[in-house]
Amino acid sequence: MTKDGKSTFPGSIRDHQDAVKAETEKASTKIDEAFGKLAKKMRERADKAKAKMEATRKPEKRSILLRRFELYADAAKHLK
């Protein structure tokens, strides 16, 4: 396999500031949306665990569901 002598490296970032800023904004928006979506899922799971916990009378099962609720709630809070 022979290598072409011409470089495909696009150049320095300073030469393409506008493109870099636009790409950064685009990627940041997508990341924020993904984190928001995941935080919403974690909140829904926390609410579901809390509802199950309130309907359960067995202490062992309640403690398990309480811990599950805490973990999901903490994850949602961290992601927000």
Protein backbone atom coordinates (compact mmCIF):
# COMPACT_ATOMS: atom_id res chain seq x y z
CA MET A 1 0.00 0.00 0.00
CA THR A 2 1.55 3.29 -1.02
CA LYS A 3 0.91 6.51 0.78
CA ASP A 4 -0.08 9.61 -1.10
CA GLY A 5 2.36 12.49 -0.51
CA LYS A 6 -0.47 15.00 -0.01
CA SER A 7 -1.64 15.49 3.56
CA THR A 8 -5.34 15.25 4.33
CA PHE A 9 -4.98 17.09 7.64
CA PRO A 10 -7.32 20.10 7.52
CA GLY A 11 -4.94 22.64 9.07
CA SER A 12 -4.91 24.50 12.32
CA ILE A 13 -7.99 25.30 14.35
CA ARG A 14 -7.18 29.02 14.16
CA ASP A 15 -7.73 28.92 10.41
CA HIS A 16 -11.26 27.53 10.83
CA GLN A 17 -12.65 29.29 13.93
CA ASP A 18 -16.17 29.78 12.57
CA ALA A 19 -16.52 26.14 11.56
CA VAL A 20 -15.12 24.99 14.90
CA LYS A 21 -17.55 27.20 16.85
CA ALA A 22 -20.51 25.99 14.79
CA GLU A 23 -19.56 22.35 15.26
CA THR A 24 -19.01 22.89 18.99
CA GLU A 25 -22.46 24.45 19.34
CA LYS A 26 -24.06 21.64 17.34
CA ALA A 27 -22.36 18.90 19.36
CA SER A 28 -23.09 20.63 22.68
CA THR A 29 -26.77 20.89 21.81
CA LYS A 30 -26.97 17.19 20.95
CA ILE A 31 -25.16 16.25 24.18
CA ASP A 32 -27.46 18.44 26.28
CA GLU A 33 -30.53 16.89 24.66
CA ALA A 34 -29.22 13.36 25.30
CA PHE A 35 -28.47 14.15 28.94
CA GLY A 36 -31.93 15.68 29.36
CA LYS A 37 -33.59 12.64 27.83
CA LEU A 38 -31.63 10.28 30.07
CA ALA A 39 -32.39 12.41 33.15
CA LYS A 40 -36.10 12.20 32.30
CA LYS A 41 -35.87 8.39 32.09
CA MET A 42 -34.11 8.22 35.44
CA ARG A 43 -36.75 10.47 37.04
CA GLU A 44 -39.54 8.24 35.65
CA ARG A 45 -37.84 5.14 37.06
CA ALA A 46 -37.40 6.85 40.43
CA ASP A 47 -41.09 7.76 40.49
CA LYS A 48 -42.04 4.19 39.58
CA ALA A 49 -39.86 2.76 42.37
CA LYS A 50 -41.36 5.23 44.85
CA ALA A 51 -44.91 4.26 43.87
CA LYS A 52 -44.09 0.56 44.28
CA MET A 53 -42.43 1.26 47.62
CA GLU A 54 -45.51 3.04 48.93
CA ALA A 55 -47.71 0.11 47.90
CA THR A 56 -45.48 -2.51 49.55
CA ARG A 57 -45.80 -3.55 53.19
CA LYS A 58 -42.82 -5.90 53.54
CA PRO A 59 -39.91 -4.04 55.18
CA GLU A 60 -37.26 -5.86 53.15
CA LYS A 61 -38.93 -5.08 49.83
CA ARG A 62 -39.56 -1.46 50.91
CA SER A 63 -35.89 -0.96 51.75
CA ILE A 64 -34.84 -2.35 48.36
CA LEU A 65 -37.28 -0.09 46.54
CA LEU A 66 -36.22 2.89 48.64
CA ARG A 67 -32.59 2.33 47.65
CA ARG A 68 -33.61 1.96 44.00
CA PHE A 69 -35.55 5.22 44.23
CA GLU A 70 -32.54 7.00 45.77
CA LEU A 71 -30.16 5.75 43.08
CA TYR A 72 -32.41 6.75 40.20
CA ALA A 73 -33.20 10.13 41.78
CA ASP A 74 -29.50 10.83 42.35
CA ALA A 75 -28.71 9.87 38.75
CA ALA A 76 -31.43 12.17 37.42
CA LYS A 77 -30.21 15.02 39.59
CA HIS A 78 -26.62 14.50 38.46
CA LEU A 79 -27.64 14.47 34.79
CA LYS A 80 -29.66 17.67 35.04
